[in-house]
């Protein structure tokens, strides 16, 4: 979705597009609107907020890294306790 908005040049309010011309309507798009990745600009026109997209991407990467670290610690603890 993000790529299609980028390819269409819809990264400013002035270049906003109607999403149905580029993507299928979905709950994912609606969620991304609520998160501020896609912002409304006029009558059924939206544009990509690239800064917000990058911010959320970094948050997801941090969460994934923390999950992996937690899993590694858990596995190490289980191994050292002789349970695996």
PDB file of N, CA and C in Angstrom:
ATOM      1  N   UNK A   1       0.817  -1.190   0.000  1.00  0.00           N
ATOM      2  CA  UNK A   1       0.000   0.000   0.000  1.00  0.00           C
ATOM      3  C   UNK A   1       0.865   1.259   0.000  1.00  0.00           C
ATOM      4  N   UNK A   2       1.816   1.283   0.912  1.00  0.00           N
ATOM      5  CA  UNK A   2       2.696   2.444   1.014  1.00  0.00           C
ATOM      6  C   UNK A   2       3.427   2.652  -0.309  1.00  0.00           C
ATOM      7  N   UNK A   3       3.919   1.564  -0.868  1.00  0.00           N
ATOM      8  CA  UNK A   3       4.656   1.651  -2.136  1.00  0.00           C
ATOM      9  C   UNK A   3       3.790   2.244  -3.238  1.00  0.00           C
ATOM     10  N   UNK A   4       2.533   1.847  -3.290  1.00  0.00           N
ATOM     11  CA  UNK A   4       1.648   2.352  -4.348  1.00  0.00           C
ATOM     12  C   UNK A   4       1.387   3.849  -4.201  1.00  0.00           C
ATOM     13  N   UNK A   5       1.243   4.316  -2.975  1.00  0.00           N
ATOM     14  CA  UNK A   5       1.058   5.751  -2.756  1.00  0.00           C
ATOM     15  C   UNK A   5       2.331   6.502  -3.146  1.00  0.00           C
ATOM     16  N   UNK A   6       3.485   5.913  -2.786  1.00  0.00           N
ATOM     17  CA  UNK A   6       4.759   6.532  -3.141  1.00  0.00           C
ATOM     18  C   UNK A   6       4.921   6.598  -4.659  1.00  0.00           C
ATOM     19  N   UNK A   7       4.627   5.486  -5.330  1.00  0.00           N
ATOM     20  CA  UNK A   7       4.750   5.443  -6.791  1.00  0.00           C
ATOM     21  C   UNK A   7       3.828   6.452  -7.462  1.00  0.00           C
ATOM     22  N   UNK A   8       2.657   6.680  -6.867  1.00  0.00           N
ATOM     23  CA  UNK A   8       1.705   7.650  -7.417  1.00  0.00           C
ATOM     24  C   UNK A   8       2.102   9.089  -7.069  1.00  0.00           C
ATOM     25  N   UNK A   9       3.128   9.247  -6.236  1.00  0.00           N
ATOM     26  CA  UNK A   9       3.560  10.585  -5.844  1.00  0.00           C
ATOM     27  C   UNK A   9       2.674  11.228  -4.798  1.00  0.00           C
ATOM     28  N   UNK A  10       1.819  10.441  -4.156  1.00  0.00           N
ATOM     29  CA  UNK A  10       0.856  10.968  -3.183  1.00  0.00           C
ATOM     30  C   UNK A  10       1.501  11.085  -1.809  1.00  0.00           C
ATOM     31  N   UNK A  11       2.440  12.029  -1.687  1.00  0.00           N
ATOM     32  CA  UNK A  11       3.145  12.209  -0.420  1.00  0.00           C
ATOM     33  C   UNK A  11       2.949  13.605   0.181  1.00  0.00           C
ATOM     34  N   UNK A  12       2.065  14.370  -0.415  1.00  0.00           N
ATOM     35  CA  UNK A  12       1.711  15.684   0.124  1.00  0.00           C
ATOM     36  C   UNK A  12       0.209  15.878  -0.045  1.00  0.00           C
ATOM     37  N   UNK A  13      -0.385  16.781   0.737  1.00  0.00           N
ATOM     38  CA  UNK A  13      -1.825  17.022   0.584  1.00  0.00           C
ATOM     39  C   UNK A  13      -2.204  17.445  -0.835  1.00  0.00           C
ATOM     40  N   UNK A  14      -1.332  18.168  -1.489  1.00  0.00           N
ATOM     41  CA  UNK A  14      -1.626  18.639  -2.845  1.00  0.00           C
ATOM     42  C   UNK A  14      -1.626  17.502  -3.870  1.00  0.00           C
ATOM     43  N   UNK A  15      -0.939  16.412  -3.575  1.00  0.00           N
ATOM     44  CA  UNK A  15      -0.827  15.281  -4.506  1.00  0.00           C
ATOM     45  C   UNK A  15      -1.658  14.089  -4.048  1.00  0.00           C
ATOM     46  N   UNK A  16      -2.608  14.327  -3.147  1.00  0.00           N
ATOM     47  CA  UNK A  16      -3.438  13.250  -2.600  1.00  0.00           C
ATOM     48  C   UNK A  16      -4.215  12.540  -3.708  1.00  0.00           C
ATOM     49  N   UNK A  17      -4.495  11.266  -3.478  1.00  0.00           N
ATOM     50  CA  UNK A  17      -5.203  10.446  -4.462  1.00  0.00           C
ATOM     51  C   UNK A  17      -6.390   9.743  -3.815  1.00  0.00           C
ATOM     52  N   UNK A  18      -7.281   9.250  -4.672  1.00  0.00           N
ATOM     53  CA  UNK A  18      -8.385   8.409  -4.202  1.00  0.00           C
ATOM     54  C   UNK A  18      -7.825   6.993  -4.052  1.00  0.00           C
ATOM     55  N   UNK A  19      -7.845   6.430  -2.858  1.00  0.00           N
ATOM     56  CA  UNK A  19      -7.199   5.141  -2.636  1.00  0.00           C
ATOM     57  C   UNK A  19      -7.749   4.010  -3.506  1.00  0.00           C
ATOM     58  N   UNK A  20      -9.045   4.032  -3.793  1.00  0.00           N
ATOM     59  CA  UNK A  20      -9.625   2.929  -4.564  1.00  0.00           C
ATOM     60  C   UNK A  20      -9.069   2.836  -5.982  1.00  0.00           C
ATOM     61  N   UNK A  21      -8.407   3.860  -6.451  1.00  0.00           N
ATOM     62  CA  UNK A  21      -7.773   3.810  -7.772  1.00  0.00           C
ATOM     63  C   UNK A  21      -6.466   3.029  -7.742  1.00  0.00           C
ATOM     64  N   UNK A  22      -5.899   2.832  -6.538  1.00  0.00           N
ATOM     65  CA  UNK A  22      -4.580   2.209  -6.428  1.00  0.00           C
ATOM     66  C   UNK A  22      -4.536   0.973  -5.545  1.00  0.00           C
ATOM     67  N   UNK A  23      -5.507   0.852  -4.630  1.00  0.00           N
ATOM     68  CA  UNK A  23      -5.530  -0.303  -3.724  1.00  0.00           C
ATOM     69  C   UNK A  23      -6.972  -0.752  -3.523  1.00  0.00           C
ATOM     70  N   UNK A  24      -7.111  -1.986  -3.039  1.00  0.00           N
ATOM     71  CA  UNK A  24      -8.441  -2.470  -2.669  1.00  0.00           C
ATOM     72  C   UNK A  24      -8.779  -1.955  -1.272  1.00  0.00           C
ATOM     73  N   UNK A  25     -10.020  -1.553  -1.054  1.00  0.00           N
ATOM     74  CA  UNK A  25     -10.420  -1.121   0.292  1.00  0.00           C
ATOM     75  C   UNK A  25     -10.213  -2.273   1.282  1.00  0.00           C
ATOM     76  N   UNK A  26      -9.672  -1.969   2.446  1.00  0.00           N
ATOM     77  CA  UNK A  26      -9.434  -3.018   3.434  1.00  0.00           C
ATOM     78  C   UNK A  26      -9.355  -2.426   4.830  1.00  0.00           C
ATOM     79  N   UNK A  27      -9.464  -3.322   5.811  1.00  0.00           N
ATOM     80  CA  UNK A  27      -9.336  -2.888   7.201  1.00  0.00           C
ATOM     81  C   UNK A  27      -7.894  -2.437   7.472  1.00  0.00           C
ATOM     82  N   UNK A  28      -6.937  -2.961   6.728  1.00  0.00           N
ATOM     83  CA  UNK A  28      -5.542  -2.555   6.914  1.00  0.00           C
ATOM     84  C   UNK A  28      -5.375  -1.084   6.545  1.00  0.00           C
ATOM     85  N   UNK A  29      -5.967  -0.676   5.424  1.00  0.00           N
ATOM     86  CA  UNK A  29      -5.900   0.733   5.041  1.00  0.00           C
ATOM     87  C   UNK A  29      -6.542   1.603   6.108  1.00  0.00           C
ATOM     88  N   UNK A  30      -7.708   1.191   6.583  1.00  0.00           N
ATOM     89  CA  UNK A  30      -8.412   1.969   7.620  1.00  0.00           C
ATOM     90  C   UNK A  30      -7.569   2.068   8.887  1.00  0.00           C
ATOM     91  N   UNK A  31      -6.900   0.977   9.263  1.00  0.00           N
ATOM     92  CA  UNK A  31      -6.039   1.007  10.441  1.00  0.00           C
ATOM     93  C   UNK A  31      -4.879   1.976  10.227  1.00  0.00           C
ATOM     94  N   UNK A  32      -4.313   1.973   9.024  1.00  0.00           N
ATOM     95  CA  UNK A  32      -3.197   2.861   8.731  1.00  0.00           C
ATOM     96  C   UNK A  32      -3.643   4.325   8.710  1.00  0.00           C
ATOM     97  N   UNK A  33      -4.896   4.568   8.356  1.00  0.00           N
ATOM     98  CA  UNK A  33      -5.450   5.928   8.447  1.00  0.00           C
ATOM     99  C   UNK A  33      -5.531   6.334   9.918  1.00  0.00           C
ATOM    100  N   UNK A  34      -6.045   5.433  10.767  1.00  0.00           N
ATOM    101  CA  UNK A  34      -6.134   5.738  12.201  1.00  0.00           C
ATOM    102  C   UNK A  34      -4.756   5.967  12.816  1.00  0.00           C
ATOM    103  N   UNK A  35      -3.742   5.266  12.318  1.00  0.00           N
ATOM    104  CA  UNK A  35      -2.377   5.424  12.832  1.00  0.00           C
ATOM    105  C   UNK A  35      -1.680   6.664  12.268  1.00  0.00           C
ATOM    106  N   UNK A  36      -2.288   7.292  11.275  1.00  0.00           N
ATOM    107  CA  UNK A  36      -1.716   8.510  10.716  1.00  0.00           C
ATOM    108  C   UNK A  36      -0.744   8.295   9.568  1.00  0.00           C
ATOM    109  N   UNK A  37      -0.639   7.063   9.061  1.00  0.00           N
ATOM    110  CA  UNK A  37       0.242   6.800   7.918  1.00  0.00           C
ATOM    111  C   UNK A  37      -0.360   7.411   6.659  1.00  0.00           C
ATOM    112  N   UNK A  38      -1.662   7.194   6.473  1.00  0.00           N
ATOM    113  CA  UNK A  38      -2.383   7.834   5.371  1.00  0.00           C
ATOM    114  C   UNK A  38      -3.267   8.904   5.980  1.00  0.00           C
ATOM    115  N   UNK A  39      -3.183  10.105   5.419  1.00  0.00           N
ATOM    116  CA  UNK A  39      -3.942  11.222   5.970  1.00  0.00           C
ATOM    117  C   UNK A  39      -4.955  11.724   4.948  1.00  0.00           C
ATOM    118  N   UNK A  40      -6.160  12.049   5.423  1.00  0.00           N
ATOM    119  CA  UNK A  40      -7.173  12.571   4.506  1.00  0.00           C
ATOM    120  C   UNK A  40      -6.830  13.980   4.038  1.00  0.00           C
ATOM    121  N   UNK A  41      -7.220  14.247   2.796  1.00  0.00           N
ATOM    122  CA  UNK A  41      -6.997  15.577   2.227  1.00  0.00           C
ATOM    123  C   UNK A  41      -8.112  15.848   1.225  1.00  0.00           C
ATOM    124  N   UNK A  42      -9.214  16.329   1.708  1.00  0.00           N
ATOM    125  CA  UNK A  42     -10.331  16.599   0.804  1.00  0.00           C
ATOM    126  C   UNK A  42     -11.291  15.433   0.715  1.00  0.00           C
ATOM    127  N   UNK A  43     -12.096  15.442  -0.315  1.00  0.00           N
ATOM    128  CA  UNK A  43     -13.162  14.449  -0.483  1.00  0.00           C
ATOM    129  C   UNK A  43     -12.601  13.112  -0.946  1.00  0.00           C
ATOM    130  N   UNK A  44     -12.511  12.173  -0.013  1.00  0.00           N
ATOM    131  CA  UNK A  44     -12.032  10.818  -0.282  1.00  0.00           C
ATOM    132  C   UNK A  44     -10.640  10.798  -0.927  1.00  0.00           C
ATOM    133  N   UNK A  45      -9.822  11.764  -0.601  1.00  0.00           N
ATOM    134  CA  UNK A  45      -8.444  11.798  -1.085  1.00  0.00           C
ATOM    135  C   UNK A  45      -7.515  11.614   0.110  1.00  0.00           C
ATOM    136  N   UNK A  46      -6.446  10.859  -0.111  1.00  0.00           N
ATOM    137  CA  UNK A  46      -5.491  10.572   0.959  1.00  0.00           C
ATOM    138  C   UNK A  46      -4.077  10.695   0.418  1.00  0.00           C
ATOM    139  N   UNK A  47      -3.161  10.987   1.338  1.00  0.00           N
ATOM    140  CA  UNK A  47      -1.743  11.013   0.973  1.00  0.00           C
ATOM    141  C   UNK A  47      -0.950  10.287   2.050  1.00  0.00           C
ATOM    142  N   UNK A  48       0.242   9.864   1.679  1.00  0.00           N
ATOM    143  CA  UNK A  48       1.136   9.141   2.568  1.00  0.00           C
ATOM    144  C   UNK A  48       1.959  10.121   3.391  1.00  0.00           C
ATOM    145  N   UNK A  49       1.918   9.978   4.699  1.00  0.00           N
ATOM    146  CA  UNK A  49       2.783  10.749   5.588  1.00  0.00           C
ATOM    147  C   UNK A  49       4.036   9.896   5.791  1.00  0.00           C
ATOM    148  N   UNK A  50       5.072  10.187   5.017  1.00  0.00           N
ATOM    149  CA  UNK A  50       6.277   9.358   5.031  1.00  0.00           C
ATOM    150  C   UNK A  50       6.984   9.364   6.384  1.00  0.00           C
ATOM    151  N   UNK A  51       6.969  10.487   7.078  1.00  0.00           N
ATOM    152  CA  UNK A  51       7.611  10.561   8.393  1.00  0.00           C
ATOM    153  C   UNK A  51       6.905   9.633   9.378  1.00  0.00           C
ATOM    154  N   UNK A  52       5.576   9.635   9.363  1.00  0.00           N
ATOM    155  CA  UNK A  52       4.811   8.768  10.264  1.00  0.00           C
ATOM    156  C   UNK A  52       5.013   7.298   9.913  1.00  0.00           C
ATOM    157  N   UNK A  53       5.068   6.995   8.617  1.00  0.00           N
ATOM    158  CA  UNK A  53       5.321   5.626   8.188  1.00  0.00           C
ATOM    159  C   UNK A  53       6.671   5.146   8.709  1.00  0.00           C
ATOM    160  N   UNK A  54       7.690   5.970   8.590  1.00  0.00           N
ATOM    161  CA  UNK A  54       9.031   5.612   9.070  1.00  0.00           C
ATOM    162  C   UNK A  54       9.036   5.435  10.585  1.00  0.00           C
ATOM    163  N   UNK A  55       8.325   6.307  11.292  1.00  0.00           N
ATOM    164  CA  UNK A  55       8.244   6.219  12.750  1.00  0.00           C
ATOM    165  C   UNK A  55       7.627   4.885  13.178  1.00  0.00           C
ATOM    166  N   UNK A  56       6.527   4.503  12.548  1.00  0.00           N
ATOM    167  CA  UNK A  56       5.873   3.235  12.886  1.00  0.00           C
ATOM    168  C   UNK A  56       6.734   2.042  12.488  1.00  0.00           C
ATOM    169  N   UNK A  57       7.441   2.151  11.376  1.00  0.00           N
ATOM    170  CA  UNK A  57       8.341   1.073  10.940  1.00  0.00           C
ATOM    171  C   UNK A  57       9.433   0.843  11.989  1.00  0.00           C
ATOM    172  N   UNK A  58       9.994   1.926  12.515  1.00  0.00           N
ATOM    173  CA  UNK A  58      11.025   1.812  13.547  1.00  0.00           C
ATOM    174  C   UNK A  58      10.456   1.205  14.828  1.00  0.00           C
ATOM    175  N   UNK A  59       9.227   1.588  15.188  1.00  0.00           N
ATOM    176  CA  UNK A  59       8.591   1.024  16.380  1.00  0.00           C
ATOM    177  C   UNK A  59       8.395  -0.477  16.221  1.00  0.00           C
ATOM    178  N   UNK A  60       7.964  -0.912  15.027  1.00  0.00           N
ATOM    179  CA  UNK A  60       7.772  -2.349  14.787  1.00  0.00           C
ATOM    180  C   UNK A  60       9.094  -3.099  14.863  1.00  0.00           C
ATOM    181  N   UNK A  61      10.155  -2.520  14.327  1.00  0.00           N
ATOM    182  CA  UNK A  61      11.471  -3.167  14.381  1.00  0.00           C
ATOM    183  C   UNK A  61      11.967  -3.280  15.822  1.00  0.00           C
ATOM    184  N   UNK A  62      11.760  -2.236  16.626  1.00  0.00           N
ATOM    185  CA  UNK A  62      12.152  -2.282  18.038  1.00  0.00           C
ATOM    186  C   UNK A  62      11.383  -3.375  18.769  1.00  0.00           C
ATOM    187  N   UNK A  63      10.085  -3.440  18.529  1.00  0.00           N
ATOM    188  CA  UNK A  63       9.258  -4.454  19.184  1.00  0.00           C
ATOM    189  C   UNK A  63       9.717  -5.856  18.796  1.00  0.00           C
ATOM    190  N   UNK A  64      10.033  -6.057  17.528  1.00  0.00           N
ATOM    191  CA  UNK A  64      10.497  -7.361  17.069  1.00  0.00           C
ATOM    192  C   UNK A  64      11.844  -7.707  17.702  1.00  0.00           C
ATOM    193  N   UNK A  65      12.741  -6.735  17.795  1.00  0.00           N
ATOM    194  CA  UNK A  65      14.048  -6.970  18.412  1.00  0.00           C
ATOM    195  C   UNK A  65      13.893  -7.348  19.882  1.00  0.00           C
ATOM    196  N   UNK A  66      13.022  -6.638  20.602  1.00  0.00           N
ATOM    197  CA  UNK A  66      12.792  -6.955  22.010  1.00  0.00           C
ATOM    198  C   UNK A  66      12.189  -8.341  22.178  1.00  0.00           C
ATOM    199  N   UNK A  67      11.303  -8.708  21.288  1.00  0.00           N
ATOM    200  CA  UNK A  67      10.700 -10.044  21.333  1.00  0.00           C
ATOM    201  C   UNK A  67      11.773 -11.108  21.124  1.00  0.00           C
ATOM    202  N   UNK A  68      12.650 -10.900  20.161  1.00  0.00           N
ATOM    203  CA  UNK A  68      13.711 -11.864  19.878  1.00  0.00           C
ATOM    204  C   UNK A  68      14.686 -11.963  21.056  1.00  0.00           C
ATOM    205  N   UNK A  69      15.017 -10.838  21.672  1.00  0.00           N
ATOM    206  CA  UNK A  69      15.905 -10.856  22.837  1.00  0.00           C
ATOM    207  C   UNK A  69      15.250 -11.618  23.987  1.00  0.00           C
ATOM    208  N   UNK A  70      13.967 -11.340  24.208  1.00  0.00           N
ATOM    209  CA  UNK A  70      13.233 -12.048  25.259  1.00  0.00           C
ATOM    210  C   UNK A  70      13.188 -13.542  25.016  1.00  0.00           C
ATOM    211  N   UNK A  71      12.965 -13.927  23.787  1.00  0.00           N
ATOM    212  CA  UNK A  71      12.932 -15.348  23.434  1.00  0.00           C
ATOM    213  C   UNK A  71      14.307 -15.985  23.650  1.00  0.00           C
ATOM    214  N   UNK A  72      15.372 -15.292  23.272  1.00  0.00           N
ATOM    215  CA  UNK A  72      16.739 -15.808  23.472  1.00  0.00           C
ATOM    216  C   UNK A  72      17.033 -15.989  24.957  1.00  0.00           C
ATOM    217  N   UNK A  73      16.619 -15.032  25.774  1.00  0.00           N
ATOM    218  CA  UNK A  73      16.834 -15.130  27.226  1.00  0.00           C
ATOM    219  C   UNK A  73      16.056 -16.312  27.796  1.00  0.00           C
ATOM    220  N   UNK A  74      14.823 -16.475  27.365  1.00  0.00           N
ATOM    221  CA  UNK A  74      14.000 -17.590  27.830  1.00  0.00           C
ATOM    222  C   UNK A  74      14.633 -18.923  27.449  1.00  0.00           C
ATOM    223  N   UNK A  75      15.070 -19.051  26.217  1.00  0.00           N
ATOM    224  CA  UNK A  75      15.693 -20.298  25.779  1.00  0.00           C
ATOM    225  C   UNK A  75      16.993 -20.568  26.541  1.00  0.00           C
ATOM    226  N   UNK A  76      17.769 -19.524  26.771  1.00  0.00           N
ATOM    227  CA  UNK A  76      19.015 -19.690  27.539  1.00  0.00           C
ATOM    228  C   UNK A  76      18.720 -20.144  28.961  1.00  0.00           C
ATOM    229  N   UNK A  77      17.706 -19.548  29.582  1.00  0.00           N
ATOM    230  CA  UNK A  77      17.331 -19.931  30.945  1.00  0.00           C
ATOM    231  C   UNK A  77      16.855 -21.376  30.988  1.00  0.00           C
ATOM    232  N   UNK A  78      16.064 -21.787  30.021  1.00  0.00           N
ATOM    233  CA  UNK A  78      15.589 -23.170  29.969  1.00  0.00           C
ATOM    234  C   UNK A  78      16.752 -24.133  29.746  1.00  0.00           C
ATOM    235  N   UNK A  79      17.664 -23.763  28.896  1.00  0.00           N
ATOM    236  CA  UNK A  79      18.832 -24.609  28.616  1.00  0.00           C
ATOM    237  C   UNK A  79      19.695 -24.753  29.864  1.00  0.00           C
ATOM    238  N   UNK A  80      19.974 -23.627  30.515  1.00  0.00           N
ATOM    239  CA  UNK A  80      20.831 -23.665  31.700  1.00  0.00           C
ATOM    240  C   UNK A  80      20.174 -24.397  32.874  1.00  0.00           C
ATOM    241  N   UNK A  81      18.860 -24.400  32.917  1.00  0.00           N
ATOM    242  CA  UNK A  81      18.167 -25.113  33.997  1.00  0.00           C
ATOM    243  C   UNK A  81      18.033 -26.605  33.691  1.00  0.00           C
ATOM    244  N   UNK A  82      18.448 -27.004  32.509  1.00  0.00           N
ATOM    245  CA  UNK A  82      18.396 -28.417  32.119  1.00  0.00           C
ATOM    246  C   UNK A  82      17.026 -28.876  31.651  1.00  0.00           C
ATOM    247  N   UNK A  83      16.136 -27.955  31.365  1.00  0.00           N
ATOM    248  CA  UNK A  83      14.780 -28.329  30.925  1.00  0.00           C
ATOM    249  C   UNK A  83      14.700 -28.598  29.420  1.00  0.00           C
ATOM    250  N   UNK A  84      15.749 -28.181  28.692  1.00  0.00           N
ATOM    251  CA  UNK A  84      15.778 -28.504  27.253  1.00  0.00           C
ATOM    252  C   UNK A  84      17.163 -28.994  26.873  1.00  0.00           C
TER     253      UNK A  84
END
